[in-house]
PDBML (XML) file of the C-alpha atoms, coordinates in Angstrom:
<?xml version="1.0" encoding="UTF-8" ?>
<PDBx:datablock datablockName="MODEL"
   xmlns:PDBx="http://pdbml.pdb.org/schema/pdbx-v50.xsd"
   xmlns:xsi="http://www.w3.org/2001/XMLSchema-instance"
   xsi:schemaLocation="http://pdbml.pdb.org/schema/pdbx-v50.xsd pdbx-v50.xsd">
   <PDBx:atom_siteCategory>
      <PDBx:atom_site id="1">
         <PDBx:B_iso_or_equiv>0.00</PDBx:B_iso_or_equiv>
         <PDBx:Cartn_x>13.588</PDBx:Cartn_x>
         <PDBx:Cartn_y>-13.498</PDBx:Cartn_y>
         <PDBx:Cartn_z>-6.965</PDBx:Cartn_z>
         <PDBx:auth_asym_id>A</PDBx:auth_asym_id>
         <PDBx:auth_atom_id>CA</PDBx:auth_atom_id>
         <PDBx:auth_comp_id>UNK</PDBx:auth_comp_id>
         <PDBx:auth_seq_id>1</PDBx:auth_seq_id>
         <PDBx:group_PDB>ATOM</PDBx:group_PDB>
         <PDBx:label_alt_id xsi:nil="true" />
         <PDBx:label_asym_id>A</PDBx:label_asym_id>
         <PDBx:label_atom_id>CA</PDBx:label_atom_id>
         <PDBx:label_comp_id>UNK</PDBx:label_comp_id>
         <PDBx:label_entity_id>1</PDBx:label_entity_id>
         <PDBx:label_seq_id>1</PDBx:label_seq_id>
         <PDBx:occupancy>1.00</PDBx:occupancy>
         <PDBx:pdbx_PDB_model_num>1</PDBx:pdbx_PDB_model_num>
         <PDBx:type_symbol>C</PDBx:type_symbol>
      </PDBx:atom_site>
      <PDBx:atom_site id="2">
         <PDBx:B_iso_or_equiv>0.00</PDBx:B_iso_or_equiv>
         <PDBx:Cartn_x>16.376</PDBx:Cartn_x>
         <PDBx:Cartn_y>-15.299</PDBx:Cartn_y>
         <PDBx:Cartn_z>-5.103</PDBx:Cartn_z>
         <PDBx:auth_asym_id>A</PDBx:auth_asym_id>
         <PDBx:auth_atom_id>CA</PDBx:auth_atom_id>
         <PDBx:auth_comp_id>UNK</PDBx:auth_comp_id>
         <PDBx:auth_seq_id>2</PDBx:auth_seq_id>
         <PDBx:group_PDB>ATOM</PDBx:group_PDB>
         <PDBx:label_alt_id xsi:nil="true" />
         <PDBx:label_asym_id>A</PDBx:label_asym_id>
         <PDBx:label_atom_id>CA</PDBx:label_atom_id>
         <PDBx:label_comp_id>UNK</PDBx:label_comp_id>
         <PDBx:label_entity_id>1</PDBx:label_entity_id>
         <PDBx:label_seq_id>2</PDBx:label_seq_id>
         <PDBx:occupancy>1.00</PDBx:occupancy>
         <PDBx:pdbx_PDB_model_num>1</PDBx:pdbx_PDB_model_num>
         <PDBx:type_symbol>C</PDBx:type_symbol>
      </PDBx:atom_site>
      <PDBx:atom_site id="3">
         <PDBx:B_iso_or_equiv>0.00</PDBx:B_iso_or_equiv>
         <PDBx:Cartn_x>18.712</PDBx:Cartn_x>
         <PDBx:Cartn_y>-15.747</PDBx:Cartn_y>
         <PDBx:Cartn_z>-8.061</PDBx:Cartn_z>
         <PDBx:auth_asym_id>A</PDBx:auth_asym_id>
         <PDBx:auth_atom_id>CA</PDBx:auth_atom_id>
         <PDBx:auth_comp_id>UNK</PDBx:auth_comp_id>
         <PDBx:auth_seq_id>3</PDBx:auth_seq_id>
         <PDBx:group_PDB>ATOM</PDBx:group_PDB>
         <PDBx:label_alt_id xsi:nil="true" />
         <PDBx:label_asym_id>A</PDBx:label_asym_id>
         <PDBx:label_atom_id>CA</PDBx:label_atom_id>
         <PDBx:label_comp_id>UNK</PDBx:label_comp_id>
         <PDBx:label_entity_id>1</PDBx:label_entity_id>
         <PDBx:label_seq_id>3</PDBx:label_seq_id>
         <PDBx:occupancy>1.00</PDBx:occupancy>
         <PDBx:pdbx_PDB_model_num>1</PDBx:pdbx_PDB_model_num>
         <PDBx:type_symbol>C</PDBx:type_symbol>
      </PDBx:atom_site>
      <PDBx:atom_site id="4">
         <PDBx:B_iso_or_equiv>0.00</PDBx:B_iso_or_equiv>
         <PDBx:Cartn_x>18.222</PDBx:Cartn_x>
         <PDBx:Cartn_y>-12.448</PDBx:Cartn_y>
         <PDBx:Cartn_z>-9.867</PDBx:Cartn_z>
         <PDBx:auth_asym_id>A</PDBx:auth_asym_id>
         <PDBx:auth_atom_id>CA</PDBx:auth_atom_id>
         <PDBx:auth_comp_id>UNK</PDBx:auth_comp_id>
         <PDBx:auth_seq_id>4</PDBx:auth_seq_id>
         <PDBx:group_PDB>ATOM</PDBx:group_PDB>
         <PDBx:label_alt_id xsi:nil="true" />
         <PDBx:label_asym_id>A</PDBx:label_asym_id>
         <PDBx:label_atom_id>CA</PDBx:label_atom_id>
         <PDBx:label_comp_id>UNK</PDBx:label_comp_id>
         <PDBx:label_entity_id>1</PDBx:label_entity_id>
         <PDBx:label_seq_id>4</PDBx:label_seq_id>
         <PDBx:occupancy>1.00</PDBx:occupancy>
         <PDBx:pdbx_PDB_model_num>1</PDBx:pdbx_PDB_model_num>
         <PDBx:type_symbol>C</PDBx:type_symbol>
      </PDBx:atom_site>
      <PDBx:atom_site id="5">
         <PDBx:B_iso_or_equiv>0.00</PDBx:B_iso_or_equiv>
         <PDBx:Cartn_x>16.306</PDBx:Cartn_x>
         <PDBx:Cartn_y>-9.714</PDBx:Cartn_y>
         <PDBx:Cartn_z>-8.061</PDBx:Cartn_z>
         <PDBx:auth_asym_id>A</PDBx:auth_asym_id>
         <PDBx:auth_atom_id>CA</PDBx:auth_atom_id>
         <PDBx:auth_comp_id>UNK</PDBx:auth_comp_id>
         <PDBx:auth_seq_id>5</PDBx:auth_seq_id>
         <PDBx:group_PDB>ATOM</PDBx:group_PDB>
         <PDBx:label_alt_id xsi:nil="true" />
         <PDBx:label_asym_id>A</PDBx:label_asym_id>
         <PDBx:label_atom_id>CA</PDBx:label_atom_id>
         <PDBx:label_comp_id>UNK</PDBx:label_comp_id>
         <PDBx:label_entity_id>1</PDBx:label_entity_id>
         <PDBx:label_seq_id>5</PDBx:label_seq_id>
         <PDBx:occupancy>1.00</PDBx:occupancy>
         <PDBx:pdbx_PDB_model_num>1</PDBx:pdbx_PDB_model_num>
         <PDBx:type_symbol>C</PDBx:type_symbol>
      </PDBx:atom_site>
      <PDBx:atom_site id="6">
         <PDBx:B_iso_or_equiv>0.00</PDBx:B_iso_or_equiv>
         <PDBx:Cartn_x>17.577</PDBx:Cartn_x>
         <PDBx:Cartn_y>-10.282</PDBx:Cartn_y>
         <PDBx:Cartn_z>-4.496</PDBx:Cartn_z>
         <PDBx:auth_asym_id>A</PDBx:auth_asym_id>
         <PDBx:auth_atom_id>CA</PDBx:auth_atom_id>
         <PDBx:auth_comp_id>UNK</PDBx:auth_comp_id>
         <PDBx:auth_seq_id>6</PDBx:auth_seq_id>
         <PDBx:group_PDB>ATOM</PDBx:group_PDB>
         <PDBx:label_alt_id xsi:nil="true" />
         <PDBx:label_asym_id>A</PDBx:label_asym_id>
         <PDBx:label_atom_id>CA</PDBx:label_atom_id>
         <PDBx:label_comp_id>UNK</PDBx:label_comp_id>
         <PDBx:label_entity_id>1</PDBx:label_entity_id>
         <PDBx:label_seq_id>6</PDBx:label_seq_id>
         <PDBx:occupancy>1.00</PDBx:occupancy>
         <PDBx:pdbx_PDB_model_num>1</PDBx:pdbx_PDB_model_num>
         <PDBx:type_symbol>C</PDBx:type_symbol>
      </PDBx:atom_site>
      <PDBx:atom_site id="7">
         <PDBx:B_iso_or_equiv>0.00</PDBx:B_iso_or_equiv>
         <PDBx:Cartn_x>20.722</PDBx:Cartn_x>
         <PDBx:Cartn_y>-12.359</PDBx:Cartn_y>
         <PDBx:Cartn_z>-5.119</PDBx:Cartn_z>
         <PDBx:auth_asym_id>A</PDBx:auth_asym_id>
         <PDBx:auth_atom_id>CA</PDBx:auth_atom_id>
         <PDBx:auth_comp_id>UNK</PDBx:auth_comp_id>
         <PDBx:auth_seq_id>7</PDBx:auth_seq_id>
         <PDBx:group_PDB>ATOM</PDBx:group_PDB>
         <PDBx:label_alt_id xsi:nil="true" />
         <PDBx:label_asym_id>A</PDBx:label_asym_id>
         <PDBx:label_atom_id>CA</PDBx:label_atom_id>
         <PDBx:label_comp_id>UNK</PDBx:label_comp_id>
         <PDBx:label_entity_id>1</PDBx:label_entity_id>
         <PDBx:label_seq_id>7</PDBx:label_seq_id>
         <PDBx:occupancy>1.00</PDBx:occupancy>
         <PDBx:pdbx_PDB_model_num>1</PDBx:pdbx_PDB_model_num>
         <PDBx:type_symbol>C</PDBx:type_symbol>
      </PDBx:atom_site>
      <PDBx:atom_site id="8">
         <PDBx:B_iso_or_equiv>0.00</PDBx:B_iso_or_equiv>
         <PDBx:Cartn_x>22.790</PDBx:Cartn_x>
         <PDBx:Cartn_y>-10.622</PDBx:Cartn_y>
         <PDBx:Cartn_z>-2.420</PDBx:Cartn_z>
         <PDBx:auth_asym_id>A</PDBx:auth_asym_id>
         <PDBx:auth_atom_id>CA</PDBx:auth_atom_id>
         <PDBx:auth_comp_id>UNK</PDBx:auth_comp_id>
         <PDBx:auth_seq_id>8</PDBx:auth_seq_id>
         <PDBx:group_PDB>ATOM</PDBx:group_PDB>
         <PDBx:label_alt_id xsi:nil="true" />
         <PDBx:label_asym_id>A</PDBx:label_asym_id>
         <PDBx:label_atom_id>CA</PDBx:label_atom_id>
         <PDBx:label_comp_id>UNK</PDBx:label_comp_id>
         <PDBx:label_entity_id>1</PDBx:label_entity_id>
         <PDBx:label_seq_id>8</PDBx:label_seq_id>
         <PDBx:occupancy>1.00</PDBx:occupancy>
         <PDBx:pdbx_PDB_model_num>1</PDBx:pdbx_PDB_model_num>
         <PDBx:type_symbol>C</PDBx:type_symbol>
      </PDBx:atom_site>
      <PDBx:atom_site id="9">
         <PDBx:B_iso_or_equiv>0.00</PDBx:B_iso_or_equiv>
         <PDBx:Cartn_x>20.130</PDBx:Cartn_x>
         <PDBx:Cartn_y>-8.569</PDBx:Cartn_y>
         <PDBx:Cartn_z>-0.634</PDBx:Cartn_z>
         <PDBx:auth_asym_id>A</PDBx:auth_asym_id>
         <PDBx:auth_atom_id>CA</PDBx:auth_atom_id>
         <PDBx:auth_comp_id>UNK</PDBx:auth_comp_id>
         <PDBx:auth_seq_id>9</PDBx:auth_seq_id>
         <PDBx:group_PDB>ATOM</PDBx:group_PDB>
         <PDBx:label_alt_id xsi:nil="true" />
         <PDBx:label_asym_id>A</PDBx:label_asym_id>
         <PDBx:label_atom_id>CA</PDBx:label_atom_id>
         <PDBx:label_comp_id>UNK</PDBx:label_comp_id>
         <PDBx:label_entity_id>1</PDBx:label_entity_id>
         <PDBx:label_seq_id>9</PDBx:label_seq_id>
         <PDBx:occupancy>1.00</PDBx:occupancy>
         <PDBx:pdbx_PDB_model_num>1</PDBx:pdbx_PDB_model_num>
         <PDBx:type_symbol>C</PDBx:type_symbol>
      </PDBx:atom_site>
      <PDBx:atom_site id="10">
         <PDBx:B_iso_or_equiv>0.00</PDBx:B_iso_or_equiv>
         <PDBx:Cartn_x>20.460</PDBx:Cartn_x>
         <PDBx:Cartn_y>-9.114</PDBx:Cartn_y>
         <PDBx:Cartn_z>3.103</PDBx:Cartn_z>
         <PDBx:auth_asym_id>A</PDBx:auth_asym_id>
         <PDBx:auth_atom_id>CA</PDBx:auth_atom_id>
         <PDBx:auth_comp_id>UNK</PDBx:auth_comp_id>
         <PDBx:auth_seq_id>10</PDBx:auth_seq_id>
         <PDBx:group_PDB>ATOM</PDBx:group_PDB>
         <PDBx:label_alt_id xsi:nil="true" />
         <PDBx:label_asym_id>A</PDBx:label_asym_id>
         <PDBx:label_atom_id>CA</PDBx:label_atom_id>
         <PDBx:label_comp_id>UNK</PDBx:label_comp_id>
         <PDBx:label_entity_id>1</PDBx:label_entity_id>
         <PDBx:label_seq_id>10</PDBx:label_seq_id>
         <PDBx:occupancy>1.00</PDBx:occupancy>
         <PDBx:pdbx_PDB_model_num>1</PDBx:pdbx_PDB_model_num>
         <PDBx:type_symbol>C</PDBx:type_symbol>
      </PDBx:atom_site>
      <PDBx:atom_site id="11">
         <PDBx:B_iso_or_equiv>0.00</PDBx:B_iso_or_equiv>
         <PDBx:Cartn_x>17.964</PDBx:Cartn_x>
         <PDBx:Cartn_y>-6.443</PDBx:Cartn_y>
         <PDBx:Cartn_z>4.134</PDBx:Cartn_z>
         <PDBx:auth_asym_id>A</PDBx:auth_asym_id>
         <PDBx:auth_atom_id>CA</PDBx:auth_atom_id>
         <PDBx:auth_comp_id>UNK</PDBx:auth_comp_id>
         <PDBx:auth_seq_id>11</PDBx:auth_seq_id>
         <PDBx:group_PDB>ATOM</PDBx:group_PDB>
         <PDBx:label_alt_id xsi:nil="true" />
         <PDBx:label_asym_id>A</PDBx:label_asym_id>
         <PDBx:label_atom_id>CA</PDBx:label_atom_id>
         <PDBx:label_comp_id>UNK</PDBx:label_comp_id>
         <PDBx:label_entity_id>1</PDBx:label_entity_id>
         <PDBx:label_seq_id>11</PDBx:label_seq_id>
         <PDBx:occupancy>1.00</PDBx:occupancy>
         <PDBx:pdbx_PDB_model_num>1</PDBx:pdbx_PDB_model_num>
         <PDBx:type_symbol>C</PDBx:type_symbol>
      </PDBx:atom_site>
      <PDBx:atom_site id="12">
         <PDBx:B_iso_or_equiv>0.00</PDBx:B_iso_or_equiv>
         <PDBx:Cartn_x>14.217</PDBx:Cartn_x>
         <PDBx:Cartn_y>-6.685</PDBx:Cartn_y>
         <PDBx:Cartn_z>3.979</PDBx:Cartn_z>
         <PDBx:auth_asym_id>A</PDBx:auth_asym_id>
         <PDBx:auth_atom_id>CA</PDBx:auth_atom_id>
         <PDBx:auth_comp_id>UNK</PDBx:auth_comp_id>
         <PDBx:auth_seq_id>12</PDBx:auth_seq_id>
         <PDBx:group_PDB>ATOM</PDBx:group_PDB>
         <PDBx:label_alt_id xsi:nil="true" />
         <PDBx:label_asym_id>A</PDBx:label_asym_id>
         <PDBx:label_atom_id>CA</PDBx:label_atom_id>
         <PDBx:label_comp_id>UNK</PDBx:label_comp_id>
         <PDBx:label_entity_id>1</PDBx:label_entity_id>
         <PDBx:label_seq_id>12</PDBx:label_seq_id>
         <PDBx:occupancy>1.00</PDBx:occupancy>
         <PDBx:pdbx_PDB_model_num>1</PDBx:pdbx_PDB_model_num>
         <PDBx:type_symbol>C</PDBx:type_symbol>
      </PDBx:atom_site>
      <PDBx:atom_site id="13">
         <PDBx:B_iso_or_equiv>0.00</PDBx:B_iso_or_equiv>
         <PDBx:Cartn_x>11.945</PDBx:Cartn_x>
         <PDBx:Cartn_y>-9.645</PDBx:Cartn_y>
         <PDBx:Cartn_z>4.489</PDBx:Cartn_z>
         <PDBx:auth_asym_id>A</PDBx:auth_asym_id>
         <PDBx:auth_atom_id>CA</PDBx:auth_atom_id>
         <PDBx:auth_comp_id>UNK</PDBx:auth_comp_id>
         <PDBx:auth_seq_id>13</PDBx:auth_seq_id>
         <PDBx:group_PDB>ATOM</PDBx:group_PDB>
         <PDBx:label_alt_id xsi:nil="true" />
         <PDBx:label_asym_id>A</PDBx:label_asym_id>
         <PDBx:label_atom_id>CA</PDBx:label_atom_id>
         <PDBx:label_comp_id>UNK</PDBx:label_comp_id>
         <PDBx:label_entity_id>1</PDBx:label_entity_id>
         <PDBx:label_seq_id>13</PDBx:label_seq_id>
         <PDBx:occupancy>1.00</PDBx:occupancy>
         <PDBx:pdbx_PDB_model_num>1</PDBx:pdbx_PDB_model_num>
         <PDBx:type_symbol>C</PDBx:type_symbol>
      </PDBx:atom_site>
      <PDBx:atom_site id="14">
         <PDBx:B_iso_or_equiv>0.00</PDBx:B_iso_or_equiv>
         <PDBx:Cartn_x>11.222</PDBx:Cartn_x>
         <PDBx:Cartn_y>-12.951</PDBx:Cartn_y>
         <PDBx:Cartn_z>2.745</PDBx:Cartn_z>
         <PDBx:auth_asym_id>A</PDBx:auth_asym_id>
         <PDBx:auth_atom_id>CA</PDBx:auth_atom_id>
         <PDBx:auth_comp_id>UNK</PDBx:auth_comp_id>
         <PDBx:auth_seq_id>14</PDBx:auth_seq_id>
         <PDBx:group_PDB>ATOM</PDBx:group_PDB>
         <PDBx:label_alt_id xsi:nil="true" />
         <PDBx:label_asym_id>A</PDBx:label_asym_id>
         <PDBx:label_atom_id>CA</PDBx:label_atom_id>
         <PDBx:label_comp_id>UNK</PDBx:label_comp_id>
         <PDBx:label_entity_id>1</PDBx:label_entity_id>
         <PDBx:label_seq_id>14</PDBx:label_seq_id>
         <PDBx:occupancy>1.00</PDBx:occupancy>
         <PDBx:pdbx_PDB_model_num>1</PDBx:pdbx_PDB_model_num>
         <PDBx:type_symbol>C</PDBx:type_symbol>
      </PDBx:atom_site>
      <PDBx:atom_site id="15">
         <PDBx:B_iso_or_equiv>0.00</PDBx:B_iso_or_equiv>
         <PDBx:Cartn_x>8.034</PDBx:Cartn_x>
         <PDBx:Cartn_y>-14.972</PDBx:Cartn_y>
         <PDBx:Cartn_z>3.072</PDBx:Cartn_z>
         <PDBx:auth_asym_id>A</PDBx:auth_asym_id>
         <PDBx:auth_atom_id>CA</PDBx:auth_atom_id>
         <PDBx:auth_comp_id>UNK</PDBx:auth_comp_id>
         <PDBx:auth_seq_id>15</PDBx:auth_seq_id>
         <PDBx:group_PDB>ATOM</PDBx:group_PDB>
         <PDBx:label_alt_id xsi:nil="true" />
         <PDBx:label_asym_id>A</PDBx:label_asym_id>
         <PDBx:label_atom_id>CA</PDBx:label_atom_id>
         <PDBx:label_comp_id>UNK</PDBx:label_comp_id>
         <PDBx:label_entity_id>1</PDBx:label_entity_id>
         <PDBx:label_seq_id>15</PDBx:label_seq_id>
         <PDBx:occupancy>1.00</PDBx:occupancy>
         <PDBx:pdbx_PDB_model_num>1</PDBx:pdbx_PDB_model_num>
         <PDBx:type_symbol>C</PDBx:type_symbol>
      </PDBx:atom_site>
      <PDBx:atom_site id="16">
         <PDBx:B_iso_or_equiv>0.00</PDBx:B_iso_or_equiv>
         <PDBx:Cartn_x>8.023</PDBx:Cartn_x>
         <PDBx:Cartn_y>-18.626</PDBx:Cartn_y>
         <PDBx:Cartn_z>4.018</PDBx:Cartn_z>
         <PDBx:auth_asym_id>A</PDBx:auth_asym_id>
         <PDBx:auth_atom_id>CA</PDBx:auth_atom_id>
         <PDBx:auth_comp_id>UNK</PDBx:auth_comp_id>
         <PDBx:auth_seq_id>16</PDBx:auth_seq_id>
         <PDBx:group_PDB>ATOM</PDBx:group_PDB>
         <PDBx:label_alt_id xsi:nil="true" />
         <PDBx:label_asym_id>A</PDBx:label_asym_id>
         <PDBx:label_atom_id>CA</PDBx:label_atom_id>
         <PDBx:label_comp_id>UNK</PDBx:label_comp_id>
         <PDBx:label_entity_id>1</PDBx:label_entity_id>
         <PDBx:label_seq_id>16</PDBx:label_seq_id>
         <PDBx:occupancy>1.00</PDBx:occupancy>
         <PDBx:pdbx_PDB_model_num>1</PDBx:pdbx_PDB_model_num>
         <PDBx:type_symbol>C</PDBx:type_symbol>
      </PDBx:atom_site>
      <PDBx:atom_site id="17">
         <PDBx:B_iso_or_equiv>0.00</PDBx:B_iso_or_equiv>
         <PDBx:Cartn_x>7.203</PDBx:Cartn_x>
         <PDBx:Cartn_y>-19.684</PDBx:Cartn_y>
         <PDBx:Cartn_z>0.479</PDBx:Cartn_z>
         <PDBx:auth_asym_id>A</PDBx:auth_asym_id>
         <PDBx:auth_atom_id>CA</PDBx:auth_atom_id>
         <PDBx:auth_comp_id>UNK</PDBx:auth_comp_id>
         <PDBx:auth_seq_id>17</PDBx:auth_seq_id>
         <PDBx:group_PDB>ATOM</PDBx:group_PDB>
         <PDBx:label_alt_id xsi:nil="true" />
         <PDBx:label_asym_id>A</PDBx:label_asym_id>
         <PDBx:label_atom_id>CA</PDBx:label_atom_id>
         <PDBx:label_comp_id>UNK</PDBx:label_comp_id>
         <PDBx:label_entity_id>1</PDBx:label_entity_id>
         <PDBx:label_seq_id>17</PDBx:label_seq_id>
         <PDBx:occupancy>1.00</PDBx:occupancy>
         <PDBx:pdbx_PDB_model_num>1</PDBx:pdbx_PDB_model_num>
         <PDBx:type_symbol>C</PDBx:type_symbol>
      </PDBx:atom_site>
      <PDBx:atom_site id="18">
         <PDBx:B_iso_or_equiv>0.00</PDBx:B_iso_or_equiv>
         <PDBx:Cartn_x>10.227</PDBx:Cartn_x>
         <PDBx:Cartn_y>-17.871</PDBx:Cartn_y>
         <PDBx:Cartn_z>-0.936</PDBx:Cartn_z>
         <PDBx:auth_asym_id>A</PDBx:auth_asym_id>
         <PDBx:auth_atom_id>CA</PDBx:auth_atom_id>
         <PDBx:auth_comp_id>UNK</PDBx:auth_comp_id>
         <PDBx:auth_seq_id>18</PDBx:auth_seq_id>
         <PDBx:group_PDB>ATOM</PDBx:group_PDB>
         <PDBx:label_alt_id xsi:nil="true" />
         <PDBx:label_asym_id>A</PDBx:label_asym_id>
         <PDBx:label_atom_id>CA</PDBx:label_atom_id>
         <PDBx:label_comp_id>UNK</PDBx:label_comp_id>
         <PDBx:label_entity_id>1</PDBx:label_entity_id>
         <PDBx:label_seq_id>18</PDBx:label_seq_id>
         <PDBx:occupancy>1.00</PDBx:occupancy>
         <PDBx:pdbx_PDB_model_num>1</PDBx:pdbx_PDB_model_num>
         <PDBx:type_symbol>C</PDBx:type_symbol>
      </PDBx:atom_site>
      <PDBx:atom_site id="19">
         <PDBx:B_iso_or_equiv>0.00</PDBx:B_iso_or_equiv>
         <PDBx:Cartn_x>12.580</PDBx:Cartn_x>
         <PDBx:Cartn_y>-19.488</PDBx:Cartn_y>
         <PDBx:Cartn_z>1.576</PDBx:Cartn_z>
         <PDBx:auth_asym_id>A</PDBx:auth_asym_id>
         <PDBx:auth_atom_id>CA</PDBx:auth_atom_id>
         <PDBx:auth_comp_id>UNK</PDBx:auth_comp_id>
         <PDBx:auth_seq_id>19</PDBx:auth_seq_id>
         <PDBx:group_PDB>ATOM</PDBx:group_PDB>
         <PDBx:label_alt_id xsi:nil="true" />
         <PDBx:label_asym_id>A</PDBx:label_asym_id>
         <PDBx:label_atom_id>CA</PDBx:label_atom_id>
         <PDBx:label_comp_id>UNK</PDBx:label_comp_id>
         <PDBx:label_entity_id>1</PDBx:label_entity_id>
         <PDBx:label_seq_id>19</PDBx:label_seq_id>
         <PDBx:occupancy>1.00</PDBx:occupancy>
         <PDBx:pdbx_PDB_model_num>1</PDBx:pdbx_PDB_model_num>
         <PDBx:type_symbol>C</PDBx:type_symbol>
      </PDBx:atom_site>
      <PDBx:atom_site id="20">
         <PDBx:B_iso_or_equiv>0.00</PDBx:B_iso_or_equiv>
         <PDBx:Cartn_x>11.194</PDBx:Cartn_x>
         <PDBx:Cartn_y>-23.027</PDBx:Cartn_y>
         <PDBx:Cartn_z>1.325</PDBx:Cartn_z>
         <PDBx:auth_asym_id>A</PDBx:auth_asym_id>
         <PDBx:auth_atom_id>CA</PDBx:auth_atom_id>
         <PDBx:auth_comp_id>UNK</PDBx:auth_comp_id>
         <PDBx:auth_seq_id>20</PDBx:auth_seq_id>
         <PDBx:group_PDB>ATOM</PDBx:group_PDB>
         <PDBx:label_alt_id xsi:nil="true" />
         <PDBx:label_asym_id>A</PDBx:label_asym_id>
         <PDBx:label_atom_id>CA</PDBx:label_atom_id>
         <PDBx:label_comp_id>UNK</PDBx:label_comp_id>
         <PDBx:label_entity_id>1</PDBx:label_entity_id>
         <PDBx:label_seq_id>20</PDBx:label_seq_id>
         <PDBx:occupancy>1.00</PDBx:occupancy>
         <PDBx:pdbx_PDB_model_num>1</PDBx:pdbx_PDB_model_num>
         <PDBx:type_symbol>C</PDBx:type_symbol>
      </PDBx:atom_site>
      <PDBx:atom_site id="21">
         <PDBx:B_iso_or_equiv>0.00</PDBx:B_iso_or_equiv>
         <PDBx:Cartn_x>10.927</PDBx:Cartn_x>
         <PDBx:Cartn_y>-23.055</PDBx:Cartn_y>
         <PDBx:Cartn_z>-2.491</PDBx:Cartn_z>
         <PDBx:auth_asym_id>A</PDBx:auth_asym_id>
         <PDBx:auth_atom_id>CA</PDBx:auth_atom_id>
         <PDBx:auth_comp_id>UNK</PDBx:auth_comp_id>
         <PDBx:auth_seq_id>21</PDBx:auth_seq_id>
         <PDBx:group_PDB>ATOM</PDBx:group_PDB>
         <PDBx:label_alt_id xsi:nil="true" />
         <PDBx:label_asym_id>A</PDBx:label_asym_id>
         <PDBx:label_atom_id>CA</PDBx:label_atom_id>
         <PDBx:label_comp_id>UNK</PDBx:label_comp_id>
         <PDBx:label_entity_id>1</PDBx:label_entity_id>
         <PDBx:label_seq_id>21</PDBx:label_seq_id>
         <PDBx:occupancy>1.00</PDBx:occupancy>
         <PDBx:pdbx_PDB_model_num>1</PDBx:pdbx_PDB_model_num>
         <PDBx:type_symbol>C</PDBx:type_symbol>
      </PDBx:atom_site>
      <PDBx:atom_site id="22">
         <PDBx:B_iso_or_equiv>0.00</PDBx:B_iso_or_equiv>
         <PDBx:Cartn_x>14.515</PDBx:Cartn_x>
         <PDBx:Cartn_y>-21.876</PDBx:Cartn_y>
         <PDBx:Cartn_z>-2.790</PDBx:Cartn_z>
         <PDBx:auth_asym_id>A</PDBx:auth_asym_id>
         <PDBx:auth_atom_id>CA</PDBx:auth_atom_id>
         <PDBx:auth_comp_id>UNK</PDBx:auth_comp_id>
         <PDBx:auth_seq_id>22</PDBx:auth_seq_id>
         <PDBx:group_PDB>ATOM</PDBx:group_PDB>
         <PDBx:label_alt_id xsi:nil="true" />
         <PDBx:label_asym_id>A</PDBx:label_asym_id>
         <PDBx:label_atom_id>CA</PDBx:label_atom_id>
         <PDBx:label_comp_id>UNK</PDBx:label_comp_id>
         <PDBx:label_entity_id>1</PDBx:label_entity_id>
         <PDBx:label_seq_id>22</PDBx:label_seq_id>
         <PDBx:occupancy>1.00</PDBx:occupancy>
         <PDBx:pdbx_PDB_model_num>1</PDBx:pdbx_PDB_model_num>
         <PDBx:type_symbol>C</PDBx:type_symbol>
      </PDBx:atom_site>
      <PDBx:atom_site id="23">
         <PDBx:B_iso_or_equiv>0.00</PDBx:B_iso_or_equiv>
         <PDBx:Cartn_x>15.618</PDBx:Cartn_x>
         <PDBx:Cartn_y>-24.438</PDBx:Cartn_y>
         <PDBx:Cartn_z>-0.201</PDBx:Cartn_z>
         <PDBx:auth_asym_id>A</PDBx:auth_asym_id>
         <PDBx:auth_atom_id>CA</PDBx:auth_atom_id>
         <PDBx:auth_comp_id>UNK</PDBx:auth_comp_id>
         <PDBx:auth_seq_id>23</PDBx:auth_seq_id>
         <PDBx:group_PDB>ATOM</PDBx:group_PDB>
         <PDBx:label_alt_id xsi:nil="true" />
         <PDBx:label_asym_id>A</PDBx:label_asym_id>
         <PDBx:label_atom_id>CA</PDBx:label_atom_id>
         <PDBx:label_comp_id>UNK</PDBx:label_comp_id>
         <PDBx:label_entity_id>1</PDBx:label_entity_id>
         <PDBx:label_seq_id>23</PDBx:label_seq_id>
         <PDBx:occupancy>1.00</PDBx:occupancy>
         <PDBx:pdbx_PDB_model_num>1</PDBx:pdbx_PDB_model_num>
         <PDBx:type_symbol>C</PDBx:type_symbol>
      </PDBx:atom_site>
      <PDBx:atom_site id="24">
         <PDBx:B_iso_or_equiv>0.00</PDBx:B_iso_or_equiv>
         <PDBx:Cartn_x>13.868</PDBx:Cartn_x>
         <PDBx:Cartn_y>-27.155</PDBx:Cartn_y>
         <PDBx:Cartn_z>-2.227</PDBx:Cartn_z>
         <PDBx:auth_asym_id>A</PDBx:auth_asym_id>
         <PDBx:auth_atom_id>CA</PDBx:auth_atom_id>
         <PDBx:auth_comp_id>UNK</PDBx:auth_comp_id>
         <PDBx:auth_seq_id>24</PDBx:auth_seq_id>
         <PDBx:group_PDB>ATOM</PDBx:group_PDB>
         <PDBx:label_alt_id xsi:nil="true" />
         <PDBx:label_asym_id>A</PDBx:label_asym_id>
         <PDBx:label_atom_id>CA</PDBx:label_atom_id>
         <PDBx:label_comp_id>UNK</PDBx:label_comp_id>
         <PDBx:label_entity_id>1</PDBx:label_entity_id>
         <PDBx:label_seq_id>24</PDBx:label_seq_id>
         <PDBx:occupancy>1.00</PDBx:occupancy>
         <PDBx:pdbx_PDB_model_num>1</PDBx:pdbx_PDB_model_num>
         <PDBx:type_symbol>C</PDBx:type_symbol>
      </PDBx:atom_site>
   </PDBx:atom_siteCategory>
</PDBx:datablock>
């Protein structure tokens, strides 16, 4: 999701799991 679907999408919402997995 972070690297393809929403690469530069600054609107909307992201769950904790999405943020922390990408941060990892």
